[in-house]
Amino acid sequence: MEPQTPDATPPAQGALVWRAAGAAPLLLVGLLIAMSAYNFSLRCESFGCMGIGLVWTIWLFLWLAALGVALGVRTLLRRRGLSTRTCGLALWLLGALGAGHGLYWLVHVAL
Protein backbone atom coordinates (compact mmCIF):
# COMPACT_ATOMS: atom_id res chain seq x y z
CA MET A 1 0.00 0.00 0.00
CA GLU A 2 1.15 3.49 -0.83
CA PRO A 3 1.23 6.14 1.88
CA GLN A 4 -1.39 8.81 1.42
CA THR A 5 -0.15 12.32 0.92
CA PRO A 6 -2.43 15.29 1.17
CA ASP A 7 -3.14 17.08 -2.10
CA ALA A 8 -2.57 20.49 -0.59
CA THR A 9 -1.13 21.53 2.71
CA PRO A 10 -3.53 23.48 4.86
CA PRO A 11 -2.75 27.19 5.13
CA ALA A 12 -0.87 28.34 8.17
CA GLN A 13 -2.94 29.68 11.01
CA GLY A 14 -3.86 33.27 10.26
CA ALA A 15 -2.57 33.11 6.67
CA LEU A 16 -5.98 34.07 5.35
CA VAL A 17 -6.03 37.13 7.60
CA TRP A 18 -2.59 38.17 6.38
CA ARG A 19 -3.60 37.69 2.76
CA ALA A 20 -6.61 39.90 3.34
CA ALA A 21 -4.34 42.45 5.03
CA GLY A 22 -2.32 42.50 1.81
CA ALA A 23 -5.31 44.11 0.11
CA ALA A 24 -5.37 47.03 2.56
CA PRO A 25 -2.72 49.04 0.65
CA LEU A 26 -4.78 48.66 -2.54
CA LEU A 27 -7.79 50.12 -0.72
CA LEU A 28 -5.64 53.06 0.37
CA VAL A 29 -4.51 53.57 -3.23
CA GLY A 30 -8.16 53.65 -4.30
CA LEU A 31 -8.86 56.27 -1.65
CA LEU A 32 -5.94 58.37 -2.86
CA ILE A 33 -7.08 58.13 -6.48
CA ALA A 34 -10.60 59.23 -5.53
CA MET A 35 -9.26 62.09 -3.41
CA SER A 36 -6.95 63.14 -6.22
CA ALA A 37 -9.79 63.22 -8.75
CA TYR A 38 -11.79 65.38 -6.34
CA ASN A 39 -8.82 67.69 -5.73
CA PHE A 40 -8.30 68.27 -9.45
CA SER A 41 -11.95 69.30 -9.78
CA LEU A 42 -11.61 72.06 -7.15
CA ARG A 43 -11.35 75.61 -8.44
CA CYS A 44 -9.57 78.52 -6.84
CA GLU A 45 -11.91 81.31 -5.77
CA SER A 46 -10.40 84.07 -3.64
CA PHE A 47 -9.67 82.63 -0.17
CA GLY A 48 -10.44 79.09 -1.39
CA CYS A 49 -6.96 78.81 -2.92
CA MET A 50 -5.50 78.24 0.53
CA GLY A 51 -7.99 75.44 1.10
CA ILE A 52 -6.88 73.70 -2.08
CA GLY A 53 -3.27 73.85 -0.93
CA LEU A 54 -4.29 72.41 2.41
CA VAL A 55 -6.17 69.54 0.74
CA TRP A 56 -3.13 68.71 -1.39
CA THR A 57 -0.91 68.77 1.69
CA ILE A 58 -3.27 66.34 3.41
CA TRP A 59 -3.14 64.17 0.27
CA LEU A 60 0.66 64.13 0.49
CA PHE A 61 0.61 62.99 4.13
CA LEU A 62 -1.96 60.30 3.31
CA TRP A 63 0.25 59.18 0.42
CA LEU A 64 3.22 58.88 2.77
CA ALA A 65 1.10 56.93 5.27
CA ALA A 66 -0.13 54.58 2.52
CA LEU A 67 3.47 54.05 1.43
CA GLY A 68 4.44 53.16 4.98
CA VAL A 69 1.48 50.77 5.34
CA ALA A 70 2.29 49.08 2.03
CA LEU A 71 5.94 48.63 2.95
CA GLY A 72 5.06 47.37 6.43
CA VAL A 73 2.46 44.87 5.26
CA ARG A 74 4.79 43.66 2.51
CA THR A 75 7.54 43.07 5.06
CA LEU A 76 5.19 41.15 7.35
CA LEU A 77 3.88 39.02 4.48
CA ARG A 78 7.40 38.26 3.31
CA ARG A 79 8.45 37.15 6.81
CA ARG A 80 5.56 34.71 6.85
CA GLY A 81 6.37 33.37 3.39
CA LEU A 82 3.13 34.62 1.82
CA SER A 83 2.63 36.24 -1.56
CA THR A 84 3.38 39.95 -1.79
CA ARG A 85 1.80 40.57 -5.21
CA THR A 86 -0.95 42.87 -3.96
CA CYS A 87 1.50 44.93 -1.93
CA GLY A 88 3.87 45.06 -4.89
CA LEU A 89 1.04 46.31 -7.08
CA ALA A 90 0.06 48.88 -4.44
CA LEU A 91 3.68 50.09 -4.20
CA TRP A 92 3.90 50.38 -7.97
CA LEU A 93 0.64 52.35 -8.10
CA LEU A 94 1.78 54.59 -5.23
CA GLY A 95 5.01 55.27 -7.08
CA ALA A 96 3.09 56.12 -10.25
CA LEU A 97 0.72 58.40 -8.31
CA GLY A 98 3.59 60.17 -6.58
CA ALA A 99 5.59 60.60 -9.79
CA GLY A 100 2.57 61.81 -11.72
CA HIS A 101 1.59 64.35 -9.10
CA GLY A 102 5.20 65.46 -8.71
CA LEU A 103 5.56 66.02 -12.45
CA TYR A 104 2.25 67.87 -12.58
CA TRP A 105 3.37 70.15 -9.76
CA LEU A 106 6.76 70.69 -11.39
CA VAL A 107 5.32 71.62 -14.78
CA HIS A 108 2.24 73.62 -13.71
CA VAL A 109 3.29 75.22 -10.44
CA ALA A 110 7.05 75.32 -9.96
CA LEU A 111 8.07 76.37 -13.49
C-alpha atoms as a PDB file:
ATOM      1  CA  MET A   1       0.000   0.000   0.000  1.00  0.00           C
ATOM      2  CA  GLU A   2       1.152   3.486  -0.831  1.00  0.00           C
ATOM      3  CA  PRO A   3       1.228   6.141   1.875  1.00  0.00           C
ATOM      4  CA  GLN A   4      -1.385   8.805   1.418  1.00  0.00           C
ATOM      5  CA  THR A   5      -0.149  12.318   0.922  1.00  0.00           C
ATOM      6  CA  PRO A   6      -2.433  15.292   1.171  1.00  0.00           C
ATOM      7  CA  ASP A   7      -3.137  17.076  -2.103  1.00  0.00           C
ATOM      8  CA  ALA A   8      -2.565  20.489  -0.586  1.00  0.00           C
ATOM      9  CA  THR A   9      -1.125  21.533   2.707  1.00  0.00           C
ATOM     10  CA  PRO A  10      -3.527  23.480   4.865  1.00  0.00           C
ATOM     11  CA  PRO A  11      -2.752  27.186   5.127  1.00  0.00           C
ATOM     12  CA  ALA A  12      -0.871  28.336   8.167  1.00  0.00           C
ATOM     13  CA  GLN A  13      -2.936  29.677  11.005  1.00  0.00           C
ATOM     14  CA  GLY A  14      -3.863  33.266  10.263  1.00  0.00           C
ATOM     15  CA  ALA A  15      -2.573  33.113   6.671  1.00  0.00           C
ATOM     16  CA  LEU A  16      -5.980  34.067   5.353  1.00  0.00           C
ATOM     17  CA  VAL A  17      -6.027  37.126   7.602  1.00  0.00           C
ATOM     18  CA  TRP A  18      -2.585  38.169   6.378  1.00  0.00           C
ATOM     19  CA  ARG A  19      -3.603  37.690   2.758  1.00  0.00           C
ATOM     20  CA  ALA A  20      -6.615  39.905   3.341  1.00  0.00           C
ATOM     21  CA  ALA A  21      -4.345  42.449   5.026  1.00  0.00           C
ATOM     22  CA  GLY A  22      -2.318  42.504   1.813  1.00  0.00           C
ATOM     23  CA  ALA A  23      -5.310  44.109   0.107  1.00  0.00           C
ATOM     24  CA  ALA A  24      -5.366  47.031   2.562  1.00  0.00           C
ATOM     25  CA  PRO A  25      -2.722  49.039   0.646  1.00  0.00           C
ATOM     26  CA  LEU A  26      -4.785  48.661  -2.535  1.00  0.00           C
ATOM     27  CA  LEU A  27      -7.785  50.121  -0.717  1.00  0.00           C
ATOM     28  CA  LEU A  28      -5.636  53.065   0.366  1.00  0.00           C
ATOM     29  CA  VAL A  29      -4.510  53.568  -3.232  1.00  0.00           C
ATOM     30  CA  GLY A  30      -8.159  53.651  -4.304  1.00  0.00           C
ATOM     31  CA  LEU A  31      -8.863  56.267  -1.649  1.00  0.00           C
ATOM     32  CA  LEU A  32      -5.938  58.373  -2.856  1.00  0.00           C
ATOM     33  CA  ILE A  33      -7.080  58.127  -6.481  1.00  0.00           C
ATOM     34  CA  ALA A  34     -10.597  59.227  -5.531  1.00  0.00           C
ATOM     35  CA  MET A  35      -9.264  62.090  -3.408  1.00  0.00           C
ATOM     36  CA  SER A  36      -6.946  63.138  -6.223  1.00  0.00           C
ATOM     37  CA  ALA A  37      -9.790  63.221  -8.746  1.00  0.00           C
ATOM     38  CA  TYR A  38     -11.791  65.377  -6.344  1.00  0.00           C
ATOM     39  CA  ASN A  39      -8.823  67.686  -5.734  1.00  0.00           C
ATOM     40  CA  PHE A  40      -8.297  68.267  -9.447  1.00  0.00           C
ATOM     41  CA  SER A  41     -11.948  69.304  -9.775  1.00  0.00           C
ATOM     42  CA  LEU A  42     -11.614  72.058  -7.151  1.00  0.00           C
ATOM     43  CA  ARG A  43     -11.346  75.610  -8.439  1.00  0.00           C
ATOM     44  CA  CYS A  44      -9.573  78.520  -6.838  1.00  0.00           C
ATOM     45  CA  GLU A  45     -11.915  81.308  -5.771  1.00  0.00           C
ATOM     46  CA  SER A  46     -10.405  84.065  -3.642  1.00  0.00           C
ATOM     47  CA  PHE A  47      -9.670  82.627  -0.167  1.00  0.00           C
ATOM     48  CA  GLY A  48     -10.441  79.088  -1.388  1.00  0.00           C
ATOM     49  CA  CYS A  49      -6.961  78.812  -2.919  1.00  0.00           C
ATOM     50  CA  MET A  50      -5.503  78.242   0.535  1.00  0.00           C
ATOM     51  CA  GLY A  51      -7.994  75.436   1.105  1.00  0.00           C
ATOM     52  CA  ILE A  52      -6.878  73.697  -2.083  1.00  0.00           C
ATOM     53  CA  GLY A  53      -3.270  73.852  -0.934  1.00  0.00           C
ATOM     54  CA  LEU A  54      -4.290  72.408   2.409  1.00  0.00           C
ATOM     55  CA  VAL A  55      -6.172  69.536   0.744  1.00  0.00           C
ATOM     56  CA  TRP A  56      -3.129  68.709  -1.395  1.00  0.00           C
ATOM     57  CA  THR A  57      -0.913  68.773   1.692  1.00  0.00           C
ATOM     58  CA  ILE A  58      -3.271  66.340   3.412  1.00  0.00           C
ATOM     59  CA  TRP A  59      -3.138  64.165   0.272  1.00  0.00           C
ATOM     60  CA  LEU A  60       0.662  64.127   0.493  1.00  0.00           C
ATOM     61  CA  PHE A  61       0.611  62.992   4.131  1.00  0.00           C
ATOM     62  CA  LEU A  62      -1.959  60.296   3.308  1.00  0.00           C
ATOM     63  CA  TRP A  63       0.255  59.178   0.416  1.00  0.00           C
ATOM     64  CA  LEU A  64       3.225  58.879   2.767  1.00  0.00           C
ATOM     65  CA  ALA A  65       1.099  56.931   5.268  1.00  0.00           C
ATOM     66  CA  ALA A  66      -0.130  54.580   2.519  1.00  0.00           C
ATOM     67  CA  LEU A  67       3.469  54.049   1.429  1.00  0.00           C
ATOM     68  CA  GLY A  68       4.437  53.161   4.984  1.00  0.00           C
ATOM     69  CA  VAL A  69       1.484  50.774   5.344  1.00  0.00           C
ATOM     70  CA  ALA A  70       2.285  49.076   2.030  1.00  0.00           C
ATOM     71  CA  LEU A  71       5.945  48.627   2.951  1.00  0.00           C
ATOM     72  CA  GLY A  72       5.064  47.368   6.431  1.00  0.00           C
ATOM     73  CA  VAL A  73       2.461  44.868   5.256  1.00  0.00           C
ATOM     74  CA  ARG A  74       4.790  43.661   2.507  1.00  0.00           C
ATOM     75  CA  THR A  75       7.545  43.066   5.056  1.00  0.00           C
ATOM     76  CA  LEU A  76       5.195  41.152   7.348  1.00  0.00           C
ATOM     77  CA  LEU A  77       3.884  39.019   4.482  1.00  0.00           C
ATOM     78  CA  ARG A  78       7.405  38.261   3.310  1.00  0.00           C
ATOM     79  CA  ARG A  79       8.452  37.154   6.808  1.00  0.00           C
ATOM     80  CA  ARG A  80       5.555  34.708   6.848  1.00  0.00           C
ATOM     81  CA  GLY A  81       6.366  33.371   3.390  1.00  0.00           C
ATOM     82  CA  LEU A  82       3.134  34.624   1.823  1.00  0.00           C
ATOM     83  CA  SER A  83       2.628  36.242  -1.562  1.00  0.00           C
ATOM     84  CA  THR A  84       3.377  39.950  -1.791  1.00  0.00           C
ATOM     85  CA  ARG A  85       1.798  40.574  -5.206  1.00  0.00           C
ATOM     86  CA  THR A  86      -0.952  42.867  -3.956  1.00  0.00           C
ATOM     87  CA  CYS A  87       1.503  44.927  -1.931  1.00  0.00           C
ATOM     88  CA  GLY A  88       3.871  45.064  -4.892  1.00  0.00           C
ATOM     89  CA  LEU A  89       1.039  46.305  -7.083  1.00  0.00           C
ATOM     90  CA  ALA A  90       0.064  48.877  -4.442  1.00  0.00           C
ATOM     91  CA  LEU A  91       3.676  50.085  -4.196  1.00  0.00           C
ATOM     92  CA  TRP A  92       3.899  50.377  -7.971  1.00  0.00           C
ATOM     93  CA  LEU A  93       0.643  52.353  -8.098  1.00  0.00           C
ATOM     94  CA  LEU A  94       1.780  54.586  -5.234  1.00  0.00           C
ATOM     95  CA  GLY A  95       5.014  55.272  -7.081  1.00  0.00           C
ATOM     96  CA  ALA A  96       3.094  56.125 -10.255  1.00  0.00           C
ATOM     97  CA  LEU A  97       0.716  58.400  -8.312  1.00  0.00           C
ATOM     98  CA  GLY A  98       3.593  60.173  -6.584  1.00  0.00           C
ATOM     99  CA  ALA A  99       5.594  60.596  -9.786  1.00  0.00           C
ATOM    100  CA  GLY A 100       2.565  61.808 -11.722  1.00  0.00           C
ATOM    101  CA  HIS A 101       1.585  64.354  -9.102  1.00  0.00           C
ATOM    102  CA  GLY A 102       5.203  65.457  -8.714  1.00  0.00           C
ATOM    103  CA  LEU A 103       5.563  66.018 -12.452  1.00  0.00           C
ATOM    104  CA  TYR A 104       2.251  67.872 -12.584  1.00  0.00           C
ATOM    105  CA  TRP A 105       3.369  70.148  -9.756  1.00  0.00           C
ATOM    106  CA  LEU A 106       6.756  70.693 -11.385  1.00  0.00           C
ATOM    107  CA  VAL A 107       5.324  71.620 -14.780  1.00  0.00           C
ATOM    108  CA  HIS A 108       2.241  73.620 -13.707  1.00  0.00           C
ATOM    109  CA  VAL A 109       3.293  75.219 -10.442  1.00  0.00           C
ATOM    110  CA  ALA A 110       7.048  75.316  -9.964  1.00  0.00           C
ATOM    111  CA  LEU A 111       8.069  76.369 -13.488  1.00  0.00           C
END
